[in-house]
Amino acid sequence: MRLPHALSLTLVLLAARAGVAQTGGSPPDAQRWVQEAERLQDTDPEAALRLAQRALPRLASPADAPLRMRAHEVRCWSAAAAAPDSVPAFAAAGVDDAARSRQPRALAALRVCRGYGHESVGRTREAMEDYEFGVAEGRRLGARDLLADALVLRGEMRYYLGDFTRALADLDESYRLYTALADEGQQRYALNAIANLYADAHVGQYERALDYYRQVLESHRRAGNEREMATAYFNLGSTLERMGRLEEALAYYRRALAGDRRRGDRDEVAVDQRAVAAVLYKLGRPAASLAVVDSALRRFRAAGDAEMIAQGRLTRGVALRMLGRTDEALAELEAARVHFAATGNQRFLEKVHEERAQAYAAAELWREAFAARGDQLVLQRALGEQAREEQSARLRVQFDAERKEAENRALLRQSASAARIRRLQL
C-alpha cells in the first residue's frame, strides 16, 4: 500500500531475467560481475549497481550483447532502490542499446524499468505506455516472466488511477504466472498488491486484506526483517484507518515510523509521518497533524517527490482548514488539485474537491463552494460506477479467494523472503 507508492515510493525490485544461458566470449571478469550483481540486487542494490556499472564498459562488442542486456537490467532495477534519480538515464541508455542490438526481450524489460522510473516521478501516462509495451511484448515473445512483471506493475498503476476492474484482472494474471513460474517472492508481491486493492475504500474487502497483511507481517517477523515489518505495519494501519478504527491505525503507523527511524530511512519516515498526520486530523487533533505533516513535507521537497508533495499539501490543507486558517488551506488544496488533475488521479482529486468545498463554505464563498461540491459529485459518480463494476469484475476474474488464501499460507511457510512494496497510500 505504501508506495511503492508509493507512488511514494518506496521500491519494486524485479529480478533481471535475461534468460541467457551462455555468454559467449565475454570477458570472464565481466561475466562474474554481472552474475554477482544479479545475486545481490535484492539484498544489496548499491553493491549490485556498482558491479553492473563496472561490467558494462567491458561488454562493448556485438558478441557481448546478451550479457550486456543483463547488466543493463540489473543496473536499472538496482538504481530504483539505490539511486532513483539515475533510473531515467540508465533506462534510456539500456533501451537505446537494446533497440540497436536487436534484443527484443531486453528492450521490453528495460522499457518496463523505464516505466517504473516514470511512475516514481509522477509521469503516469509515460509509465503506462511502457508497461503496455512490456505486456504486449511478453505475450508476443511467450516470455512469462516478463509478462508477469509488466502485468503486476500495470495492475498497480491501474489501481492507483482508480481503474479497479482492469487492475484486478492484471494482478490476478500476474499472480497465476508467478505461481506457474514458482517465483515465491513475486508471487507474494502480487498477493500483497491484491490485498492493497481489497483494502481500497471503493472495494472494501477489508477483513480479507487484513488477513493477508497479518500473514505477511508474521513471515517477516520470523525472519527478523525490520524493513518489511514496517511495510506490513503501515499496510495494516492504512486498512484499519479505512475501517474507521483510527486509534488502532495510529498505533500501527507509529510502529512503522519507529522501525523506519531505527533504520534511518528518511524517505519512508516522511511517508509514515504523512499517514500519522492524516489520522491525527481525523481524530480531531489538527494542530498536532500540522506539525507532523510539515516535517514530512520538508523531506518530500528535499527529495523532489512531486506526488508525495501533493499528498502532503492535501493533508496540510485539511489541517489548516480545521484550524480556521482558510486562505492558507485553499492555497495548499489548489496546489494539490493542480497536480492530481495533471496526473489524472481521480481518487485524490475527489478528496481535494471535498475539502475545497468545505474551505470555501467556511469563508462564505458560496458560489465557489457550490462549484467545488459539484466537481466532487461528478468524480464520486465516476468512482461509484467503477466500484459497482468491481463487484462483477471479481466474479469475472474468478479468483478463488479460499484457494488463494491456502496457497498464500503455504507460501509463507516455505520462504521468509519477500518483494518490497511501499506504495499506493491514500
Protein backbone atom coordinates (compact mmCIF):
# COMPACT_ATOMS: atom_id res chain seq x y z
CA MET A 1 0.00 0.00 0.00
CA ARG A 2 2.78 2.34 0.89
CA LEU A 3 4.05 3.07 -2.29
CA PRO A 4 5.82 1.95 -3.62
CA HIS A 5 3.61 4.02 -3.55
CA ALA A 6 4.48 4.89 -3.47
CA LEU A 7 3.91 6.44 -5.52
CA SER A 8 5.57 7.04 -2.82
CA LEU A 9 7.97 5.36 -3.37
CA THR A 10 9.37 3.17 -1.94
CA LEU A 11 10.61 0.36 -4.35
CA VAL A 12 9.87 -2.58 -6.56
CA LEU A 13 12.94 -4.71 -7.25
CA LEU A 14 12.20 -7.13 -10.09
CA ALA A 15 14.84 -9.72 -10.86
CA ALA A 16 16.78 -9.24 -14.06
CA ARG A 17 15.69 -12.13 -16.22
CA ALA A 18 17.53 -12.04 -19.49
CA GLY A 19 17.33 -15.81 -19.65
CA VAL A 20 20.69 -16.13 -21.39
CA ALA A 21 22.31 -19.47 -20.73
CA GLN A 22 25.57 -18.73 -22.49
CA THR A 23 27.70 -15.61 -22.55
CA GLY A 24 29.95 -16.47 -25.46
CA GLY A 25 33.36 -14.86 -25.39
CA SER A 26 32.57 -12.10 -22.90
CA PRO A 27 35.41 -11.19 -20.53
CA PRO A 28 35.37 -13.59 -17.56
CA ASP A 29 35.60 -10.80 -15.00
CA ALA A 30 32.61 -9.00 -16.55
CA GLN A 31 30.63 -12.25 -16.53
CA ARG A 32 31.48 -12.68 -12.87
CA TRP A 33 30.45 -9.12 -12.02
CA VAL A 34 27.09 -9.43 -13.76
CA GLN A 35 26.34 -12.74 -12.08
CA GLU A 36 27.24 -11.33 -8.68
CA ALA A 37 25.17 -8.20 -9.35
CA GLU A 38 22.15 -10.35 -10.18
CA ARG A 39 22.64 -12.25 -6.93
CA LEU A 40 22.91 -9.07 -4.85
CA GLN A 41 20.34 -6.78 -6.38
CA ASP A 42 17.51 -7.64 -3.97
CA THR A 43 19.66 -7.67 -0.84
CA ASP A 44 22.33 -5.05 -1.59
CA PRO A 45 21.22 -2.89 -4.53
CA GLU A 46 24.07 -0.41 -4.06
CA ALA A 47 26.66 -3.17 -4.49
CA ALA A 48 24.73 -4.62 -7.44
CA LEU A 49 24.65 -1.19 -9.08
CA ARG A 50 28.41 -0.76 -8.69
CA LEU A 51 29.10 -4.18 -10.20
CA ALA A 52 26.79 -3.61 -13.17
CA GLN A 53 28.38 -0.22 -13.78
CA ARG A 54 31.82 -1.82 -13.67
CA ALA A 55 30.85 -4.57 -16.09
CA LEU A 56 29.15 -2.55 -18.81
CA PRO A 57 32.27 -0.87 -20.30
CA ARG A 58 33.86 -4.32 -20.66
CA LEU A 59 30.93 -5.63 -22.73
CA ALA A 60 31.15 -3.42 -25.80
CA SER A 61 31.40 -5.99 -28.61
CA PRO A 62 28.36 -7.29 -30.55
CA ALA A 63 29.02 -10.76 -29.17
CA ASP A 64 28.62 -9.39 -25.65
CA ALA A 65 25.09 -8.08 -26.31
CA PRO A 66 23.15 -10.75 -24.34
CA LEU A 67 25.29 -10.32 -21.23
CA ARG A 68 25.30 -6.56 -21.68
CA MET A 69 21.49 -6.58 -21.67
CA ARG A 70 21.53 -8.43 -18.35
CA ALA A 71 23.88 -5.79 -16.96
CA HIS A 72 21.58 -3.01 -18.18
CA GLU A 73 18.58 -4.63 -16.47
CA VAL A 74 20.40 -5.13 -13.18
CA ARG A 75 21.69 -1.57 -13.27
CA CYS A 76 18.25 -0.12 -13.96
CA TRP A 77 16.41 -2.04 -11.22
CA SER A 78 19.19 -1.68 -8.67
CA ALA A 79 19.21 2.07 -9.28
CA ALA A 80 15.50 2.13 -8.46
CA ALA A 81 16.49 1.35 -4.88
CA ALA A 82 20.00 2.76 -4.62
CA ALA A 83 19.95 5.85 -6.86
CA PRO A 84 16.39 6.67 -8.01
CA ASP A 85 17.40 9.87 -9.77
CA SER A 86 19.62 7.80 -12.08
CA VAL A 87 16.84 5.49 -13.29
CA PRO A 88 15.70 7.64 -16.27
CA ALA A 89 19.25 7.93 -17.67
CA PHE A 90 20.12 4.28 -17.05
CA ALA A 91 16.83 3.08 -18.52
CA ALA A 92 17.18 5.32 -21.59
CA ALA A 93 20.71 4.05 -22.25
CA GLY A 94 19.55 0.45 -21.91
CA VAL A 95 16.52 0.95 -24.15
CA ASP A 96 18.64 2.55 -26.86
CA ASP A 97 21.26 -0.19 -26.66
CA ALA A 98 18.65 -2.97 -26.77
CA ALA A 99 17.00 -1.40 -29.83
CA ARG A 100 20.34 -1.04 -31.66
CA SER A 101 21.40 -4.56 -30.70
CA ARG A 102 18.08 -6.08 -31.78
CA GLN A 103 17.37 -7.63 -28.39
CA PRO A 104 13.55 -7.56 -28.22
CA ARG A 105 13.13 -9.20 -24.84
CA ALA A 106 15.67 -6.92 -23.22
CA LEU A 107 14.09 -3.92 -24.91
CA ALA A 108 10.72 -4.76 -23.38
CA ALA A 109 12.22 -5.45 -19.94
CA LEU A 110 14.13 -2.17 -19.96
CA ARG A 111 11.05 -0.27 -21.07
CA VAL A 112 9.22 -1.74 -18.09
CA CYS A 113 12.03 -0.46 -15.86
CA ARG A 114 11.85 2.91 -17.59
CA GLY A 115 8.13 2.92 -16.91
CA TYR A 116 8.81 2.44 -13.23
CA GLY A 117 11.18 5.39 -13.36
CA HIS A 118 8.46 7.50 -14.98
CA GLU A 119 5.94 6.37 -12.37
CA SER A 120 8.23 7.25 -9.47
CA VAL A 121 8.27 10.91 -10.54
CA GLY A 122 4.55 11.11 -11.38
CA ARG A 123 4.70 10.70 -15.18
CA THR A 124 1.83 8.25 -15.18
CA ARG A 125 0.99 8.42 -18.88
CA GLU A 126 4.55 7.67 -19.95
CA ALA A 127 4.76 4.87 -17.38
CA MET A 128 1.58 3.27 -18.67
CA GLU A 129 2.86 3.36 -22.25
CA ASP A 130 5.99 1.45 -21.22
CA TYR A 131 4.02 -1.08 -19.17
CA GLU A 132 1.64 -1.64 -22.09
CA PHE A 133 4.63 -2.29 -24.34
CA GLY A 134 6.02 -4.79 -21.83
CA VAL A 135 2.71 -6.66 -21.62
CA ALA A 136 2.32 -6.81 -25.40
CA GLU A 137 5.89 -7.99 -25.97
CA GLY A 138 5.69 -10.50 -23.12
CA ARG A 139 2.70 -12.10 -24.80
CA ARG A 140 4.23 -11.94 -28.29
CA LEU A 141 7.53 -13.48 -27.18
CA GLY A 142 5.95 -16.03 -24.86
CA ALA A 143 8.11 -14.64 -22.05
CA ARG A 144 6.01 -15.44 -18.98
CA ASP A 145 8.39 -13.82 -16.51
CA LEU A 146 8.47 -10.54 -18.46
CA LEU A 147 4.71 -10.65 -18.91
CA ALA A 148 4.14 -11.20 -15.18
CA ASP A 149 6.43 -8.31 -14.24
CA ALA A 150 4.74 -5.93 -16.67
CA LEU A 151 1.27 -7.05 -15.59
CA VAL A 152 1.88 -6.57 -11.87
CA LEU A 153 3.20 -3.05 -12.41
CA ARG A 154 0.43 -2.16 -14.84
CA GLY A 155 -2.08 -3.58 -12.38
CA GLU A 156 -0.74 -1.44 -9.58
CA MET A 157 -0.79 1.61 -11.82
CA ARG A 158 -4.38 0.93 -12.83
CA TYR A 159 -5.37 0.51 -9.21
CA TYR A 160 -3.62 3.75 -8.30
CA LEU A 161 -5.56 5.56 -11.01
CA GLY A 162 -8.87 4.08 -9.81
CA ASP A 163 -9.34 1.53 -12.62
CA PHE A 164 -10.24 -1.31 -10.24
CA THR A 165 -11.73 -3.74 -12.75
CA ARG A 166 -8.71 -3.96 -15.02
CA ALA A 167 -6.30 -3.68 -12.10
CA LEU A 168 -7.69 -6.85 -10.52
CA ALA A 169 -7.52 -8.70 -13.83
CA ASP A 170 -3.84 -7.76 -14.27
CA LEU A 171 -2.90 -8.65 -10.70
CA ASP A 172 -4.75 -11.94 -10.88
CA GLU A 173 -2.98 -12.93 -14.10
CA SER A 174 0.42 -11.92 -12.71
CA TYR A 175 -0.23 -13.98 -9.58
CA ARG A 176 -1.07 -17.05 -11.66
CA LEU A 177 2.03 -16.59 -13.82
CA TYR A 178 4.32 -16.25 -10.80
CA THR A 179 2.73 -19.36 -9.31
CA ALA A 180 3.41 -21.30 -12.51
CA LEU A 181 7.00 -20.00 -12.51
CA ALA A 182 7.43 -20.99 -8.83
CA ASP A 183 8.65 -17.45 -8.13
CA GLU A 184 7.74 -17.24 -4.45
CA GLY A 185 8.94 -13.69 -3.84
CA GLN A 186 7.00 -12.23 -6.75
CA GLN A 187 4.01 -14.45 -6.02
CA ARG A 188 3.86 -12.84 -2.59
CA TYR A 189 4.32 -9.42 -4.18
CA ALA A 190 1.27 -9.96 -6.37
CA LEU A 191 -0.76 -11.21 -3.41
CA ASN A 192 0.19 -8.12 -1.45
CA ALA A 193 -0.87 -5.95 -4.38
CA ILE A 194 -4.23 -7.75 -4.49
CA ALA A 195 -4.59 -7.12 -0.75
CA ASN A 196 -3.99 -3.42 -1.44
CA LEU A 197 -6.85 -3.44 -3.91
CA TYR A 198 -9.18 -5.25 -1.50
CA ALA A 199 -8.26 -2.67 1.17
CA ASP A 200 -9.30 0.25 -1.02
CA ALA A 201 -12.30 2.18 0.24
CA HIS A 202 -14.07 1.73 -3.12
CA VAL A 203 -13.75 -2.06 -2.93
CA GLY A 204 -13.99 -2.52 0.82
CA GLN A 205 -12.88 -6.13 1.32
CA TYR A 206 -11.10 -5.07 4.49
CA GLU A 207 -11.10 -8.27 6.51
CA ARG A 208 -9.57 -10.21 3.65
CA ALA A 209 -6.91 -7.55 3.22
CA LEU A 210 -6.10 -7.58 6.95
CA ASP A 211 -5.70 -11.35 6.86
CA TYR A 212 -3.12 -11.17 4.05
CA TYR A 213 -1.20 -8.33 5.68
CA ARG A 214 -1.04 -10.15 9.03
CA GLN A 215 0.30 -13.27 7.36
CA VAL A 216 2.99 -11.25 5.60
CA LEU A 217 3.87 -9.45 8.84
CA GLU A 218 4.31 -12.73 10.67
CA SER A 219 6.62 -14.13 7.98
CA HIS A 220 8.83 -11.05 8.19
CA ARG A 221 8.80 -11.10 11.98
CA ARG A 222 10.10 -14.68 11.92
CA ALA A 223 12.83 -13.63 9.52
CA GLY A 224 13.72 -10.54 11.55
CA ASN A 225 13.23 -8.31 8.50
CA GLU A 226 12.50 -4.92 10.05
CA ARG A 227 12.09 -3.07 6.78
CA GLU A 228 9.37 -5.41 5.58
CA MET A 229 7.78 -5.46 9.04
CA ALA A 230 7.46 -1.67 8.81
CA THR A 231 5.71 -2.02 5.47
CA ALA A 232 3.28 -4.57 6.90
CA TYR A 233 2.59 -2.35 9.92
CA PHE A 234 1.90 0.54 7.56
CA ASN A 235 -0.50 -1.51 5.43
CA LEU A 236 -2.37 -2.74 8.49
CA GLY A 237 -2.65 0.84 9.72
CA SER A 238 -3.94 2.00 6.35
CA THR A 239 -6.63 -0.67 6.24
CA LEU A 240 -7.73 -0.02 9.81
CA GLU A 241 -7.90 3.69 9.02
CA ARG A 242 -10.30 2.99 6.18
CA MET A 243 -12.40 0.89 8.55
CA GLY A 244 -12.65 3.86 10.91
CA ARG A 245 -10.60 2.15 13.62
CA LEU A 246 -8.42 5.23 13.98
CA GLU A 247 -6.67 4.61 17.30
CA GLU A 248 -5.60 1.15 16.13
CA ALA A 249 -4.47 2.62 12.82
CA LEU A 250 -2.42 5.29 14.57
CA ALA A 251 -0.69 2.64 16.70
CA TYR A 252 0.32 0.63 13.61
CA TYR A 253 1.52 3.73 11.75
CA ARG A 254 3.66 4.65 14.74
CA ARG A 255 5.18 1.15 14.76
CA ALA A 256 6.09 1.61 11.11
CA LEU A 257 7.52 5.04 11.88
CA ALA A 258 9.61 3.71 14.76
CA GLY A 259 11.02 0.91 12.61
CA ASP A 260 11.90 3.22 9.72
CA ARG A 261 13.56 5.66 12.10
CA ARG A 262 15.70 2.88 13.55
CA ARG A 263 16.81 2.02 10.03
CA GLY A 264 17.49 5.67 9.19
CA ASP A 265 15.22 5.60 6.12
CA ARG A 266 14.25 9.27 5.85
CA ASP A 267 12.02 8.82 2.80
CA GLU A 268 9.90 6.17 4.47
CA VAL A 269 9.84 8.15 7.72
CA ALA A 270 8.25 11.00 5.77
CA VAL A 271 5.65 8.68 4.24
CA ASP A 272 4.84 7.36 7.73
CA GLN A 273 4.57 10.90 9.09
CA ARG A 274 2.09 11.95 6.41
CA ALA A 275 -0.10 8.97 7.31
CA VAL A 276 0.14 9.75 11.03
CA ALA A 277 -0.81 13.38 10.28
CA ALA A 278 -3.93 12.29 8.36
CA VAL A 279 -5.12 10.13 11.25
CA LEU A 280 -4.43 12.90 13.75
CA TYR A 281 -6.71 15.37 11.99
CA LYS A 282 -9.38 12.69 11.72
CA LEU A 283 -9.09 12.27 15.49
CA GLY A 284 -9.74 15.99 15.89
CA ARG A 285 -6.12 16.98 16.52
CA PRO A 286 -5.30 19.32 13.60
CA ALA A 287 -2.51 21.22 15.37
CA ALA A 288 -0.62 18.00 16.03
CA SER A 289 -1.35 16.91 12.46
CA LEU A 290 0.09 20.12 11.04
CA ALA A 291 3.36 19.77 12.94
CA VAL A 292 3.85 16.19 11.72
CA VAL A 293 2.95 16.82 8.07
CA ASP A 294 5.22 19.87 7.93
CA SER A 295 8.13 17.61 8.88
CA ALA A 296 7.14 15.14 6.15
CA LEU A 297 6.83 17.88 3.54
CA ARG A 298 10.36 19.11 4.23
CA ARG A 299 11.66 15.68 3.28
CA PHE A 300 9.39 15.31 0.23
CA ARG A 301 10.61 18.66 -1.07
CA ALA A 302 14.25 17.80 -0.44
CA ALA A 303 13.74 14.57 -2.41
CA GLY A 304 11.83 16.34 -5.21
CA ASP A 305 8.94 13.85 -4.92
CA ALA A 306 6.09 15.66 -6.69
CA GLU A 307 3.48 13.02 -5.90
CA MET A 308 4.18 12.93 -2.18
CA ILE A 309 4.44 16.72 -2.05
CA ALA A 310 0.89 16.89 -3.44
CA GLN A 311 -0.36 14.32 -0.94
CA GLY A 312 1.35 16.21 1.88
CA ARG A 313 -0.17 19.51 0.77
CA LEU A 314 -3.61 17.93 0.70
CA THR A 315 -3.11 16.72 4.28
CA ARG A 316 -1.77 20.11 5.30
CA GLY A 317 -4.73 21.84 3.67
CA VAL A 318 -7.19 19.77 5.71
CA ALA A 319 -5.38 20.53 8.97
CA LEU A 320 -5.28 24.26 8.16
CA ARG A 321 -8.99 24.28 7.30
CA MET A 322 -9.80 22.64 10.63
CA LEU A 323 -7.69 25.27 12.39
CA GLY A 324 -9.66 28.05 10.71
CA ARG A 325 -6.75 29.21 8.53
CA THR A 326 -8.89 29.18 5.42
CA ASP A 327 -6.77 31.20 3.00
CA GLU A 328 -3.72 29.06 3.69
CA ALA A 329 -5.82 25.91 3.38
CA LEU A 330 -7.17 26.93 -0.02
CA ALA A 331 -3.66 27.65 -1.31
CA GLU A 332 -2.48 24.17 -0.29
CA LEU A 333 -5.56 22.49 -1.72
CA GLU A 334 -5.24 24.33 -5.02
CA ALA A 335 -1.64 23.19 -5.39
CA ALA A 336 -2.72 19.60 -4.72
CA ARG A 337 -5.62 19.95 -7.18
CA VAL A 338 -3.32 21.07 -9.98
CA HIS A 339 -1.05 18.06 -9.50
CA PHE A 340 -3.77 15.43 -9.23
CA ALA A 341 -5.66 16.85 -12.20
CA ALA A 342 -2.47 16.71 -14.29
CA THR A 343 -1.80 13.07 -13.35
CA GLY A 344 -5.44 12.02 -13.75
CA ASN A 345 -5.73 10.72 -10.20
CA GLN A 346 -9.46 10.79 -9.57
CA ARG A 347 -9.39 9.38 -6.06
CA PHE A 348 -7.18 12.10 -4.63
CA LEU A 349 -8.90 14.73 -6.75
CA GLU A 350 -12.27 13.83 -5.24
CA LYS A 351 -10.90 14.42 -1.74
CA VAL A 352 -9.37 17.74 -2.80
CA HIS A 353 -12.73 18.96 -4.15
CA GLU A 354 -14.48 17.90 -0.94
CA GLU A 355 -12.01 19.87 1.16
CA ARG A 356 -12.12 22.89 -1.15
CA ALA A 357 -15.92 22.96 -0.83
CA GLN A 358 -15.68 22.99 2.96
CA ALA A 359 -12.96 25.65 2.98
CA TYR A 360 -14.90 27.93 0.61
CA ALA A 361 -18.02 27.47 2.73
CA ALA A 362 -16.07 28.43 5.86
CA ALA A 363 -15.03 31.62 4.06
CA GLU A 364 -18.66 32.19 2.98
CA LEU A 365 -17.67 31.96 -0.68
CA TRP A 366 -20.84 30.13 -1.56
CA ARG A 367 -20.53 30.13 -5.35
CA GLU A 368 -17.03 28.63 -5.20
CA ALA A 369 -18.17 26.11 -2.58
CA PHE A 370 -21.07 25.02 -4.78
CA ALA A 371 -18.77 24.60 -7.81
CA ALA A 372 -16.26 22.55 -5.82
CA ARG A 373 -19.03 20.32 -4.46
CA GLY A 374 -20.29 19.79 -7.99
CA ASP A 375 -16.82 18.74 -9.12
CA GLN A 376 -16.69 16.30 -6.24
CA LEU A 377 -20.06 14.76 -7.09
CA VAL A 378 -19.01 14.21 -10.70
CA LEU A 379 -15.98 12.26 -9.54
CA GLN A 380 -18.00 10.41 -6.90
CA ARG A 381 -20.36 9.14 -9.59
CA ALA A 382 -17.46 8.02 -11.78
CA LEU A 383 -15.73 6.24 -8.92
CA GLY A 384 -19.02 4.75 -7.74
CA GLU A 385 -19.57 3.24 -11.16
CA GLN A 386 -16.09 1.76 -11.08
CA ALA A 387 -16.82 0.28 -7.66
CA ARG A 388 -20.00 -1.36 -8.96
CA GLU A 389 -18.08 -2.75 -11.90
CA GLU A 390 -15.52 -4.10 -9.46
CA GLN A 391 -18.11 -6.28 -7.79
CA SER A 392 -18.82 -8.08 -11.05
CA ALA A 393 -15.16 -7.99 -12.02
CA ARG A 394 -14.23 -10.18 -9.08
CA LEU A 395 -16.69 -12.76 -10.38
CA ARG A 396 -15.47 -12.45 -13.96
CA VAL A 397 -11.86 -12.87 -12.93
CA GLN A 398 -12.89 -15.90 -10.83
CA PHE A 399 -10.07 -15.53 -8.39
CA ASP A 400 -10.82 -18.24 -5.84
CA ALA A 401 -10.22 -16.48 -2.52
CA GLU A 402 -10.16 -19.63 -0.40
CA ARG A 403 -7.66 -21.35 -2.68
CA LYS A 404 -5.55 -18.20 -2.78
CA GLU A 405 -5.50 -17.98 0.99
CA ALA A 406 -4.42 -21.61 1.28
CA GLU A 407 -1.67 -21.08 -1.29
CA ASN A 408 -0.56 -17.93 0.48
CA ARG A 409 -0.26 -19.66 3.84
CA ALA A 410 1.75 -22.46 2.27
CA LEU A 411 3.98 -19.96 0.54
CA LEU A 412 4.65 -18.05 3.74
CA ARG A 413 5.66 -21.28 5.48
CA GLN A 414 8.09 -22.11 2.70
CA SER A 415 10.02 -18.86 2.47
CA ALA A 416 10.66 -15.79 4.56
CA SER A 417 11.95 -13.66 1.67
CA ALA A 418 9.59 -11.18 0.01
CA ALA A 419 9.50 -8.41 -2.54
CA ARG A 420 9.17 -4.82 -1.37
CA ILE A 421 6.01 -2.76 -1.64
CA ARG A 422 5.56 0.70 -0.18
CA ARG A 423 3.02 2.40 -2.50
CA LEU A 424 -0.47 3.40 -3.21
CA GLN A 425 -1.43 5.04 0.06
CA LEU A 426 -4.32 7.45 0.17
